[in-house]
Amino acid sequence: MQEHLAFDSGNSMASYYGPLNLVSVNLGCHLEDHDLPAIAGWRLPALRRAAPEFYASHYHHTSRIAGLWRFVFDRRIGLDSRPIREMRSMGLAAQPVA
């Protein structure tokens, strides 16, 4: 949930860079995984370190609890805060969401 909602009032997804990644095979390295899904989870932090210019400007969480707290109590964040990416760069037309 925390990776697919726009917590920054923008239109981008987020990653989680916190201690729980150690036990979740870096599941929180969400943007990195979407960019290069063939890379093994244990290598995703190295990808972020190798290409910081692609990930430093994106919103990221450092606490799962704080992210959950914001989702529950911040009225600007809700289930409708999910960003929809345009597919035009891949030559595909974006489909309307029903």
N, C-alpha and C. Protein backbone atom coordinates (compact mmCIF):
# COMPACT_ATOMS: atom_id res chain seq x y z
N MET A 1 0.82 -1.18 0.00
CA MET A 1 0.00 0.00 0.00
C MET A 1 0.87 1.25 0.00
N GLN A 2 1.87 1.31 0.84
CA GLN A 2 2.65 2.54 0.97
C GLN A 2 3.45 2.85 -0.28
N GLU A 3 3.74 1.87 -1.09
CA GLU A 3 4.50 2.12 -2.30
C GLU A 3 3.62 2.56 -3.45
N HIS A 4 2.34 2.21 -3.43
CA HIS A 4 1.45 2.51 -4.56
C HIS A 4 0.62 3.77 -4.37
N LEU A 5 0.69 4.43 -3.24
CA LEU A 5 -0.06 5.66 -3.02
C LEU A 5 0.88 6.85 -3.09
N ALA A 6 0.36 7.98 -3.58
CA ALA A 6 1.16 9.20 -3.71
C ALA A 6 1.17 9.95 -2.38
N PHE A 7 2.14 9.69 -1.54
CA PHE A 7 2.26 10.35 -0.25
C PHE A 7 2.82 11.76 -0.39
N ASP A 8 3.38 12.09 -1.53
CA ASP A 8 4.01 13.40 -1.72
C ASP A 8 3.09 14.39 -2.41
N SER A 9 1.81 14.10 -2.48
CA SER A 9 0.82 14.95 -3.17
C SER A 9 1.15 15.09 -4.65
N GLY A 10 1.95 14.21 -5.14
CA GLY A 10 2.35 14.24 -6.54
C GLY A 10 1.75 13.06 -7.27
N ASN A 11 2.46 12.60 -8.24
CA ASN A 11 1.94 11.50 -9.04
C ASN A 11 2.93 10.35 -9.13
N SER A 12 3.77 10.21 -8.12
CA SER A 12 4.76 9.14 -8.20
C SER A 12 4.61 8.15 -7.07
N MET A 13 5.03 6.95 -7.34
CA MET A 13 5.04 5.91 -6.32
C MET A 13 6.26 6.14 -5.43
N ALA A 14 6.38 5.33 -4.41
CA ALA A 14 7.46 5.52 -3.44
C ALA A 14 8.17 4.19 -3.18
N SER A 15 9.29 4.30 -2.51
CA SER A 15 10.02 3.14 -2.01
C SER A 15 10.12 3.26 -0.50
N TYR A 16 10.49 2.16 0.12
CA TYR A 16 10.71 2.13 1.57
C TYR A 16 12.16 1.75 1.80
N TYR A 17 12.91 2.61 2.49
CA TYR A 17 14.30 2.33 2.79
C TYR A 17 14.46 2.27 4.30
N GLY A 18 14.10 1.16 4.86
CA GLY A 18 14.19 1.00 6.30
C GLY A 18 14.65 -0.39 6.68
N PRO A 19 14.72 -0.67 7.97
CA PRO A 19 15.29 -1.93 8.44
C PRO A 19 14.49 -3.17 8.07
N LEU A 20 13.20 -3.05 7.79
CA LEU A 20 12.43 -4.24 7.44
C LEU A 20 12.82 -4.82 6.08
N ASN A 21 13.52 -4.04 5.27
CA ASN A 21 14.00 -4.59 4.01
C ASN A 21 14.97 -5.75 4.23
N LEU A 22 15.64 -5.76 5.37
CA LEU A 22 16.59 -6.84 5.66
C LEU A 22 15.90 -8.20 5.76
N VAL A 23 14.65 -8.21 6.20
CA VAL A 23 13.94 -9.48 6.35
C VAL A 23 12.89 -9.71 5.27
N SER A 24 12.73 -8.75 4.36
CA SER A 24 11.71 -8.90 3.32
C SER A 24 12.31 -8.92 1.92
N VAL A 25 13.56 -9.32 1.80
CA VAL A 25 14.27 -9.41 0.52
C VAL A 25 14.15 -8.09 -0.25
N ASN A 26 14.27 -6.97 0.49
CA ASN A 26 14.23 -5.62 -0.08
C ASN A 26 12.94 -5.34 -0.85
N LEU A 27 11.85 -5.87 -0.36
CA LEU A 27 10.55 -5.62 -0.97
C LEU A 27 10.23 -4.14 -1.03
N GLY A 28 10.77 -3.35 -0.12
CA GLY A 28 10.51 -1.92 -0.10
C GLY A 28 11.18 -1.14 -1.22
N CYS A 29 12.17 -1.73 -1.88
CA CYS A 29 12.83 -1.05 -3.01
C CYS A 29 11.91 -1.14 -4.22
N HIS A 30 10.79 -0.48 -4.10
CA HIS A 30 9.69 -0.62 -5.03
C HIS A 30 9.98 0.00 -6.40
N LEU A 31 10.45 1.23 -6.43
CA LEU A 31 10.73 1.89 -7.71
C LEU A 31 11.82 1.15 -8.47
N GLU A 32 12.84 0.73 -7.74
CA GLU A 32 13.93 0.00 -8.36
C GLU A 32 13.43 -1.31 -8.98
N ASP A 33 12.55 -1.99 -8.28
CA ASP A 33 12.00 -3.25 -8.77
C ASP A 33 11.15 -3.04 -10.02
N HIS A 34 10.39 -1.94 -10.06
CA HIS A 34 9.60 -1.65 -11.26
C HIS A 34 10.48 -1.29 -12.44
N ASP A 35 11.58 -0.60 -12.18
CA ASP A 35 12.47 -0.21 -13.27
C ASP A 35 13.20 -1.41 -13.87
N LEU A 36 13.69 -2.30 -13.02
CA LEU A 36 14.44 -3.47 -13.49
C LEU A 36 13.96 -4.71 -12.74
N PRO A 37 12.82 -5.27 -13.16
CA PRO A 37 12.24 -6.39 -12.41
C PRO A 37 13.05 -7.69 -12.47
N ALA A 38 13.99 -7.80 -13.37
CA ALA A 38 14.79 -9.02 -13.47
C ALA A 38 15.92 -9.07 -12.44
N ILE A 39 16.18 -7.95 -11.77
CA ILE A 39 17.24 -7.93 -10.76
C ILE A 39 16.74 -8.55 -9.47
N ALA A 40 17.54 -9.42 -8.89
CA ALA A 40 17.17 -10.09 -7.63
C ALA A 40 17.00 -9.06 -6.51
N GLY A 41 16.09 -9.33 -5.60
CA GLY A 41 15.79 -8.42 -4.50
C GLY A 41 17.00 -8.03 -3.68
N TRP A 42 17.90 -8.94 -3.45
CA TRP A 42 19.06 -8.63 -2.62
C TRP A 42 20.03 -7.68 -3.31
N ARG A 43 19.87 -7.47 -4.63
CA ARG A 43 20.73 -6.54 -5.36
C ARG A 43 20.12 -5.14 -5.55
N LEU A 44 18.87 -4.95 -5.17
CA LEU A 44 18.19 -3.68 -5.40
C LEU A 44 18.84 -2.50 -4.67
N PRO A 45 19.30 -2.64 -3.42
CA PRO A 45 19.98 -1.50 -2.80
C PRO A 45 21.24 -1.07 -3.56
N ALA A 46 21.95 -2.02 -4.16
CA ALA A 46 23.13 -1.67 -4.95
C ALA A 46 22.72 -0.89 -6.20
N LEU A 47 21.58 -1.23 -6.78
CA LEU A 47 21.07 -0.48 -7.93
C LEU A 47 20.79 0.96 -7.53
N ARG A 48 20.17 1.15 -6.39
CA ARG A 48 19.86 2.51 -5.91
C ARG A 48 21.15 3.30 -5.66
N ARG A 49 22.14 2.66 -5.09
CA ARG A 49 23.42 3.34 -4.85
C ARG A 49 24.16 3.65 -6.15
N ALA A 50 24.02 2.78 -7.15
CA ALA A 50 24.71 2.98 -8.42
C ALA A 50 24.07 4.06 -9.28
N ALA A 51 22.79 4.31 -9.08
CA ALA A 51 22.07 5.29 -9.90
C ALA A 51 21.23 6.22 -9.03
N PRO A 52 21.85 6.95 -8.11
CA PRO A 52 21.08 7.79 -7.19
C PRO A 52 20.30 8.91 -7.89
N GLU A 53 20.76 9.33 -9.06
CA GLU A 53 20.06 10.40 -9.77
C GLU A 53 18.65 10.01 -10.20
N PHE A 54 18.36 8.71 -10.28
CA PHE A 54 17.04 8.25 -10.65
C PHE A 54 16.10 8.10 -9.45
N TYR A 55 16.65 7.96 -8.25
CA TYR A 55 15.81 7.64 -7.09
C TYR A 55 15.82 8.69 -5.99
N ALA A 56 16.80 9.56 -5.96
CA ALA A 56 16.92 10.55 -4.88
C ALA A 56 15.77 11.54 -4.87
N SER A 57 15.21 11.86 -6.01
CA SER A 57 14.15 12.87 -6.06
C SER A 57 12.76 12.30 -5.78
N HIS A 58 12.64 11.00 -5.69
CA HIS A 58 11.34 10.37 -5.43
C HIS A 58 11.09 10.27 -3.93
N TYR A 59 9.83 10.34 -3.56
CA TYR A 59 9.45 10.20 -2.16
C TYR A 59 9.80 8.79 -1.69
N HIS A 60 10.26 8.68 -0.44
CA HIS A 60 10.52 7.36 0.13
C HIS A 60 10.16 7.36 1.61
N HIS A 61 9.79 6.20 2.08
CA HIS A 61 9.46 6.00 3.49
C HIS A 61 10.70 5.47 4.21
N THR A 62 10.84 5.83 5.47
CA THR A 62 11.88 5.22 6.30
C THR A 62 11.26 4.47 7.46
N SER A 63 9.92 4.55 7.59
CA SER A 63 9.22 3.86 8.66
C SER A 63 7.87 3.35 8.14
N ARG A 64 7.65 2.06 8.24
CA ARG A 64 6.37 1.49 7.84
C ARG A 64 5.25 1.99 8.75
N ILE A 65 5.54 2.11 10.03
CA ILE A 65 4.53 2.57 11.00
C ILE A 65 4.13 4.01 10.71
N ALA A 66 5.09 4.88 10.43
CA ALA A 66 4.79 6.29 10.12
C ALA A 66 3.97 6.39 8.83
N GLY A 67 4.29 5.58 7.84
CA GLY A 67 3.52 5.58 6.60
C GLY A 67 2.08 5.14 6.83
N LEU A 68 1.91 4.10 7.63
CA LEU A 68 0.56 3.63 7.95
C LEU A 68 -0.19 4.69 8.75
N TRP A 69 0.49 5.34 9.68
CA TRP A 69 -0.12 6.41 10.47
C TRP A 69 -0.63 7.54 9.56
N ARG A 70 0.20 7.95 8.63
CA ARG A 70 -0.20 9.01 7.70
C ARG A 70 -1.38 8.58 6.85
N PHE A 71 -1.40 7.33 6.39
CA PHE A 71 -2.50 6.84 5.57
C PHE A 71 -3.82 6.90 6.34
N VAL A 72 -3.77 6.54 7.61
CA VAL A 72 -5.00 6.51 8.41
C VAL A 72 -5.46 7.91 8.80
N PHE A 73 -4.54 8.80 9.15
CA PHE A 73 -4.94 10.08 9.73
C PHE A 73 -4.79 11.30 8.82
N ASP A 74 -4.07 11.22 7.74
CA ASP A 74 -3.92 12.36 6.83
C ASP A 74 -5.04 12.31 5.80
N ARG A 75 -5.92 13.29 5.83
CA ARG A 75 -7.08 13.30 4.94
C ARG A 75 -6.71 13.48 3.47
N ARG A 76 -5.50 13.94 3.20
CA ARG A 76 -5.07 14.11 1.81
C ARG A 76 -4.64 12.81 1.16
N ILE A 77 -4.48 11.76 1.96
CA ILE A 77 -4.03 10.47 1.46
C ILE A 77 -5.15 9.45 1.66
N GLY A 78 -5.51 8.78 0.60
CA GLY A 78 -6.56 7.77 0.68
C GLY A 78 -6.39 6.75 -0.43
N LEU A 79 -7.34 5.87 -0.55
CA LEU A 79 -7.25 4.84 -1.58
C LEU A 79 -7.32 5.42 -2.98
N ASP A 80 -7.85 6.65 -3.10
CA ASP A 80 -7.91 7.29 -4.40
C ASP A 80 -6.63 8.08 -4.72
N SER A 81 -5.61 7.97 -3.89
CA SER A 81 -4.35 8.67 -4.09
C SER A 81 -3.37 7.87 -4.94
N ARG A 82 -3.84 6.85 -5.57
CA ARG A 82 -2.94 6.02 -6.36
C ARG A 82 -2.64 6.68 -7.70
N PRO A 83 -1.37 6.89 -8.01
CA PRO A 83 -1.02 7.54 -9.28
C PRO A 83 -1.23 6.58 -10.44
N ILE A 84 -1.65 7.14 -11.56
CA ILE A 84 -1.82 6.37 -12.78
C ILE A 84 -0.75 6.84 -13.76
N ARG A 85 0.11 5.94 -14.16
CA ARG A 85 1.20 6.29 -15.07
C ARG A 85 0.70 6.26 -16.51
N GLU A 86 1.17 7.23 -17.28
CA GLU A 86 0.88 7.26 -18.71
C GLU A 86 1.76 6.23 -19.40
N MET A 87 1.21 5.55 -20.38
CA MET A 87 1.95 4.51 -21.09
C MET A 87 2.43 5.00 -22.46
N ARG A 88 2.32 6.28 -22.73
CA ARG A 88 2.66 6.80 -24.05
C ARG A 88 4.12 6.61 -24.41
N SER A 89 5.01 6.67 -23.43
CA SER A 89 6.43 6.52 -23.73
C SER A 89 6.74 5.13 -24.27
N MET A 90 5.86 4.18 -24.01
CA MET A 90 6.07 2.82 -24.49
C MET A 90 5.29 2.56 -25.78
N GLY A 91 4.64 3.62 -26.32
CA GLY A 91 3.88 3.45 -27.54
C GLY A 91 2.47 2.92 -27.30
N LEU A 92 2.02 2.90 -26.05
CA LEU A 92 0.69 2.41 -25.74
C LEU A 92 -0.17 3.56 -25.27
N ALA A 93 -1.42 3.52 -25.62
CA ALA A 93 -2.36 4.54 -25.16
C ALA A 93 -2.86 4.15 -23.78
N ALA A 94 -2.96 5.12 -22.90
CA ALA A 94 -3.45 4.85 -21.55
C ALA A 94 -4.94 4.51 -21.62
N GLN A 95 -5.32 3.51 -20.89
CA GLN A 95 -6.72 3.09 -20.85
C GLN A 95 -7.44 3.79 -19.71
N PRO A 96 -8.67 4.22 -19.92
CA PRO A 96 -9.41 4.87 -18.81
C PRO A 96 -9.65 3.87 -17.69
N VAL A 97 -9.59 4.38 -16.47
CA VAL A 97 -9.83 3.55 -15.30
C VAL A 97 -11.31 3.52 -15.01
N ALA A 98 -11.85 2.33 -14.88
CA ALA A 98 -13.30 2.19 -14.64
C ALA A 98 -13.61 2.30 -13.18
